Amino acid sequence: MTAGEKAKAKAEQAEGKAKEALGSVTGNDRMAAEGQAEKSTGDAREAKEKAKDAFKR
């Protein structure tokens, strides 16, 4: 996994988790859903990069 892609995935995961938590605390369901979606996107990006690394070996 390239360092840039790994960092981007971790940043998306963290941002999504924070947005989801903030949405839950404030009662903003839309923000919570957006945060969950961003977190999932980060998870998918990380999984894709790990799969690419596995095939390189």
PDB file of N, CA and C in Angstrom:
ATOM      1  N   MET A   1       0.855  -1.165   0.000  1.00  0.00           N
ATOM      2  CA  MET A   1       0.000   0.000   0.000  1.00  0.00           C
ATOM      3  C   MET A   1       0.898   1.224   0.000  1.00  0.00           C
ATOM      4  N   THR A   2       0.611   2.115  -0.903  1.00  0.00           N
ATOM      5  CA  THR A   2       1.412   3.329  -0.924  1.00  0.00           C
ATOM      6  C   THR A   2       1.089   4.172   0.302  1.00  0.00           C
ATOM      7  N   ALA A   3       2.082   4.885   0.740  1.00  0.00           N
ATOM      8  CA  ALA A   3       1.911   5.686   1.953  1.00  0.00           C
ATOM      9  C   ALA A   3       0.820   6.738   1.774  1.00  0.00           C
ATOM     10  N   GLY A   4       0.755   7.333   0.596  1.00  0.00           N
ATOM     11  CA  GLY A   4      -0.256   8.359   0.348  1.00  0.00           C
ATOM     12  C   GLY A   4      -1.665   7.810   0.375  1.00  0.00           C
ATOM     13  N   GLU A   5      -1.862   6.664  -0.241  1.00  0.00           N
ATOM     14  CA  GLU A   5      -3.189   6.047  -0.250  1.00  0.00           C
ATOM     15  C   GLU A   5      -3.588   5.566   1.145  1.00  0.00           C
ATOM     16  N   LYS A   6      -2.603   5.038   1.884  1.00  0.00           N
ATOM     17  CA  LYS A   6      -2.879   4.583   3.248  1.00  0.00           C
ATOM     18  C   LYS A   6      -3.288   5.765   4.123  1.00  0.00           C
ATOM     19  N   ALA A   7      -2.579   6.858   3.992  1.00  0.00           N
ATOM     20  CA  ALA A   7      -2.897   8.050   4.773  1.00  0.00           C
ATOM     21  C   ALA A   7      -4.274   8.592   4.397  1.00  0.00           C
ATOM     22  N   LYS A   8      -4.574   8.570   3.102  1.00  0.00           N
ATOM     23  CA  LYS A   8      -5.877   9.062   2.647  1.00  0.00           C
ATOM     24  C   LYS A   8      -7.008   8.198   3.213  1.00  0.00           C
ATOM     25  N   ALA A   9      -6.802   6.890   3.229  1.00  0.00           N
ATOM     26  CA  ALA A   9      -7.813   5.977   3.771  1.00  0.00           C
ATOM     27  C   ALA A   9      -8.021   6.221   5.259  1.00  0.00           C
ATOM     28  N   LYS A  10      -6.927   6.370   6.002  1.00  0.00           N
ATOM     29  CA  LYS A  10      -7.026   6.609   7.446  1.00  0.00           C
ATOM     30  C   LYS A  10      -7.687   7.957   7.730  1.00  0.00           C
ATOM     31  N   ALA A  11      -7.371   8.957   6.922  1.00  0.00           N
ATOM     32  CA  ALA A  11      -7.976  10.275   7.109  1.00  0.00           C
ATOM     33  C   ALA A  11      -9.484  10.211   6.861  1.00  0.00           C
ATOM     34  N   GLU A  12      -9.885   9.505   5.814  1.00  0.00           N
ATOM     35  CA  GLU A  12     -11.322   9.356   5.531  1.00  0.00           C
ATOM     36  C   GLU A  12     -12.029   8.622   6.661  1.00  0.00           C
ATOM     37  N   GLN A  13     -11.384   7.595   7.170  1.00  0.00           N
ATOM     38  CA  GLN A  13     -11.986   6.845   8.272  1.00  0.00           C
ATOM     39  C   GLN A  13     -12.159   7.724   9.505  1.00  0.00           C
ATOM     40  N   ALA A  14     -11.120   8.472   9.843  1.00  0.00           N
ATOM     41  CA  ALA A  14     -11.180   9.337  11.028  1.00  0.00           C
ATOM     42  C   ALA A  14     -12.203  10.456  10.855  1.00  0.00           C
ATOM     43  N   GLU A  15     -12.202  11.077   9.684  1.00  0.00           N
ATOM     44  CA  GLU A  15     -13.149  12.165   9.423  1.00  0.00           C
ATOM     45  C   GLU A  15     -14.584  11.641   9.467  1.00  0.00           C
ATOM     46  N   GLY A  16     -14.794  10.484   8.879  1.00  0.00           N
ATOM     47  CA  GLY A  16     -16.131   9.897   8.883  1.00  0.00           C
ATOM     48  C   GLY A  16     -16.599   9.543  10.280  1.00  0.00           C
ATOM     49  N   LYS A  17     -15.686   8.990  11.069  1.00  0.00           N
ATOM     50  CA  LYS A  17     -16.035   8.614  12.441  1.00  0.00           C
ATOM     51  C   LYS A  17     -16.397   9.848  13.266  1.00  0.00           C
ATOM     52  N   ALA A  18     -15.620  10.925  13.094  1.00  0.00           N
ATOM     53  CA  ALA A  18     -15.897  12.164  13.829  1.00  0.00           C
ATOM     54  C   ALA A  18     -17.228  12.774  13.391  1.00  0.00           C
ATOM     55  N   LYS A  19     -17.461  12.776  12.100  1.00  0.00           N
ATOM     56  CA  LYS A  19     -18.704  13.348  11.568  1.00  0.00           C
ATOM     57  C   LYS A  19     -19.909  12.527  12.033  1.00  0.00           C
ATOM     58  N   GLU A  20     -19.746  11.219  12.048  1.00  0.00           N
ATOM     59  CA  GLU A  20     -20.829  10.344  12.507  1.00  0.00           C
ATOM     60  C   GLU A  20     -21.135  10.603  13.983  1.00  0.00           C
ATOM     61  N   ALA A  21     -20.094  10.738  14.795  1.00  0.00           N
ATOM     62  CA  ALA A  21     -20.279  10.990  16.222  1.00  0.00           C
ATOM     63  C   ALA A  21     -20.937  12.346  16.458  1.00  0.00           C
ATOM     64  N   LEU A  22     -20.474  13.363  15.738  1.00  0.00           N
ATOM     65  CA  LEU A  22     -21.053  14.689  15.883  1.00  0.00           C
ATOM     66  C   LEU A  22     -22.523  14.692  15.469  1.00  0.00           C
ATOM     67  N   GLY A  23     -22.826  14.000  14.390  1.00  0.00           N
ATOM     68  CA  GLY A  23     -24.213  13.906  13.949  1.00  0.00           C
ATOM     69  C   GLY A  23     -25.099  13.216  14.965  1.00  0.00           C
ATOM     70  N   SER A  24     -24.570  12.175  15.584  1.00  0.00           N
ATOM     71  CA  SER A  24     -25.336  11.452  16.602  1.00  0.00           C
ATOM     72  C   SER A  24     -25.581  12.317  17.832  1.00  0.00           C
ATOM     73  N   VAL A  25     -24.553  13.041  18.263  1.00  0.00           N
ATOM     74  CA  VAL A  25     -24.667  13.888  19.451  1.00  0.00           C
ATOM     75  C   VAL A  25     -25.655  15.024  19.233  1.00  0.00           C
ATOM     76  N   THR A  26     -25.612  15.618  18.050  1.00  0.00           N
ATOM     77  CA  THR A  26     -26.479  16.763  17.776  1.00  0.00           C
ATOM     78  C   THR A  26     -27.868  16.346  17.289  1.00  0.00           C
ATOM     79  N   GLY A  27     -28.048  15.060  17.039  1.00  0.00           N
ATOM     80  CA  GLY A  27     -29.339  14.589  16.555  1.00  0.00           C
ATOM     81  C   GLY A  27     -29.529  14.818  15.069  1.00  0.00           C
ATOM     82  N   ASN A  28     -28.446  15.087  14.355  1.00  0.00           N
ATOM     83  CA  ASN A  28     -28.495  15.337  12.919  1.00  0.00           C
ATOM     84  C   ASN A  28     -28.276  14.002  12.195  1.00  0.00           C
ATOM     85  N   ASP A  29     -29.372  13.357  11.822  1.00  0.00           N
ATOM     86  CA  ASP A  29     -29.286  12.042  11.191  1.00  0.00           C
ATOM     87  C   ASP A  29     -28.564  12.082   9.850  1.00  0.00           C
ATOM     88  N   ARG A  30     -28.742  13.166   9.121  1.00  0.00           N
ATOM     89  CA  ARG A  30     -28.083  13.278   7.815  1.00  0.00           C
ATOM     90  C   ARG A  30     -26.563  13.310   7.975  1.00  0.00           C
ATOM     91  N   MET A  31     -26.088  14.105   8.939  1.00  0.00           N
ATOM     92  CA  MET A  31     -24.654  14.194   9.169  1.00  0.00           C
ATOM     93  C   MET A  31     -24.101  12.849   9.642  1.00  0.00           C
ATOM     94  N   ALA A  32     -24.836  12.164  10.497  1.00  0.00           N
ATOM     95  CA  ALA A  32     -24.403  10.860  10.983  1.00  0.00           C
ATOM     96  C   ALA A  32     -24.299   9.870   9.826  1.00  0.00           C
ATOM     97  N   ALA A  33     -25.261   9.906   8.919  1.00  0.00           N
ATOM     98  CA  ALA A  33     -25.244   9.009   7.764  1.00  0.00           C
ATOM     99  C   ALA A  33     -24.089   9.346   6.824  1.00  0.00           C
ATOM    100  N   GLU A  34     -23.838  10.636   6.614  1.00  0.00           N
ATOM    101  CA  GLU A  34     -22.713  11.042   5.776  1.00  0.00           C
ATOM    102  C   GLU A  34     -21.394  10.577   6.390  1.00  0.00           C
ATOM    103  N   GLY A  35     -21.276  10.704   7.693  1.00  0.00           N
ATOM    104  CA  GLY A  35     -20.066  10.262   8.383  1.00  0.00           C
ATOM    105  C   GLY A  35     -19.857   8.770   8.250  1.00  0.00           C
ATOM    106  N   GLN A  36     -20.941   8.035   8.375  1.00  0.00           N
ATOM    107  CA  GLN A  36     -20.849   6.578   8.233  1.00  0.00           C
ATOM    108  C   GLN A  36     -20.432   6.210   6.802  1.00  0.00           C
ATOM    109  N   ALA A  37     -20.946   6.925   5.838  1.00  0.00           N
ATOM    110  CA  ALA A  37     -20.591   6.662   4.445  1.00  0.00           C
ATOM    111  C   ALA A  37     -19.115   6.983   4.190  1.00  0.00           C
ATOM    112  N   GLU A  38     -18.627   8.080   4.740  1.00  0.00           N
ATOM    113  CA  GLU A  38     -17.212   8.437   4.574  1.00  0.00           C
ATOM    114  C   GLU A  38     -16.309   7.396   5.223  1.00  0.00           C
ATOM    115  N   LYS A  39     -16.720   6.940   6.394  1.00  0.00           N
ATOM    116  CA  LYS A  39     -15.941   5.913   7.094  1.00  0.00           C
ATOM    117  C   LYS A  39     -15.898   4.635   6.267  1.00  0.00           C
ATOM    118  N   SER A  40     -17.017   4.269   5.691  1.00  0.00           N
ATOM    119  CA  SER A  40     -17.078   3.077   4.853  1.00  0.00           C
ATOM    120  C   SER A  40     -16.219   3.218   3.605  1.00  0.00           C
ATOM    121  N   THR A  41     -16.199   4.420   3.034  1.00  0.00           N
ATOM    122  CA  THR A  41     -15.353   4.672   1.871  1.00  0.00           C
ATOM    123  C   THR A  41     -13.885   4.494   2.237  1.00  0.00           C
ATOM    124  N   GLY A  42     -13.494   4.991   3.386  1.00  0.00           N
ATOM    125  CA  GLY A  42     -12.122   4.818   3.863  1.00  0.00           C
ATOM    126  C   GLY A  42     -11.783   3.357   4.096  1.00  0.00           C
ATOM    127  N   ASP A  43     -12.740   2.616   4.655  1.00  0.00           N
ATOM    128  CA  ASP A  43     -12.535   1.184   4.876  1.00  0.00           C
ATOM    129  C   ASP A  43     -12.352   0.452   3.549  1.00  0.00           C
ATOM    130  N   ALA A  44     -13.163   0.804   2.574  1.00  0.00           N
ATOM    131  CA  ALA A  44     -13.079   0.161   1.258  1.00  0.00           C
ATOM    132  C   ALA A  44     -11.757   0.501   0.577  1.00  0.00           C
ATOM    133  N   ARG A  45     -11.318   1.746   0.689  1.00  0.00           N
ATOM    134  CA  ARG A  45     -10.050   2.156   0.092  1.00  0.00           C
ATOM    135  C   ARG A  45      -8.895   1.377   0.727  1.00  0.00           C
ATOM    136  N   GLU A  46      -8.941   1.237   2.050  1.00  0.00           N
ATOM    137  CA  GLU A  46      -7.895   0.501   2.748  1.00  0.00           C
ATOM    138  C   GLU A  46      -7.889  -0.970   2.326  1.00  0.00           C
ATOM    139  N   ALA A  47      -9.051  -1.574   2.206  1.00  0.00           N
ATOM    140  CA  ALA A  47      -9.149  -2.966   1.785  1.00  0.00           C
ATOM    141  C   ALA A  47      -8.615  -3.147   0.368  1.00  0.00           C
ATOM    142  N   LYS A  48      -8.921  -2.198  -0.514  1.00  0.00           N
ATOM    143  CA  LYS A  48      -8.436  -2.264  -1.896  1.00  0.00           C
ATOM    144  C   LYS A  48      -6.917  -2.219  -1.933  1.00  0.00           C
ATOM    145  N   GLU A  49      -6.334  -1.325  -1.154  1.00  0.00           N
ATOM    146  CA  GLU A  49      -4.875  -1.194  -1.134  1.00  0.00           C
ATOM    147  C   GLU A  49      -4.218  -2.444  -0.537  1.00  0.00           C
ATOM    148  N   LYS A  50      -4.847  -3.024   0.468  1.00  0.00           N
ATOM    149  CA  LYS A  50      -4.290  -4.251   1.049  1.00  0.00           C
ATOM    150  C   LYS A  50      -4.354  -5.396   0.046  1.00  0.00           C
ATOM    151  N   ALA A  51      -5.406  -5.455  -0.728  1.00  0.00           N
ATOM    152  CA  ALA A  51      -5.542  -6.498  -1.753  1.00  0.00           C
ATOM    153  C   ALA A  51      -4.474  -6.303  -2.824  1.00  0.00           C
ATOM    154  N   LYS A  52      -4.226  -5.058  -3.207  1.00  0.00           N
ATOM    155  CA  LYS A  52      -3.189  -4.788  -4.190  1.00  0.00           C
ATOM    156  C   LYS A  52      -1.828  -5.235  -3.675  1.00  0.00           C
ATOM    157  N   ASP A  53      -1.563  -4.972  -2.381  1.00  0.00           N
ATOM    158  CA  ASP A  53      -0.299  -5.382  -1.783  1.00  0.00           C
ATOM    159  C   ASP A  53      -0.157  -6.899  -1.763  1.00  0.00           C
ATOM    160  N   ALA A  54      -1.258  -7.595  -1.511  1.00  0.00           N
ATOM    161  CA  ALA A  54      -1.215  -9.051  -1.443  1.00  0.00           C
ATOM    162  C   ALA A  54      -0.863  -9.647  -2.799  1.00  0.00           C
ATOM    163  N   PHE A  55      -1.338  -9.048  -3.880  1.00  0.00           N
ATOM    164  CA  PHE A  55      -1.048  -9.561  -5.208  1.00  0.00           C
ATOM    165  C   PHE A  55       0.357  -9.207  -5.698  1.00  0.00           C
ATOM    166  N   LYS A  56       0.977  -8.215  -5.073  1.00  0.00           N
ATOM    167  CA  LYS A  56       2.340  -7.833  -5.453  1.00  0.00           C
ATOM    168  C   LYS A  56       3.349  -8.871  -4.978  1.00  0.00           C
ATOM    169  N   ARG A  57       3.008  -9.611  -3.951  1.00  0.00           N
ATOM    170  CA  ARG A  57       3.962 -10.554  -3.358  1.00  0.00           C
ATOM    171  C   ARG A  57       3.889 -11.879  -3.988  1.00  0.00           C
TER     172      ARG A  57
END
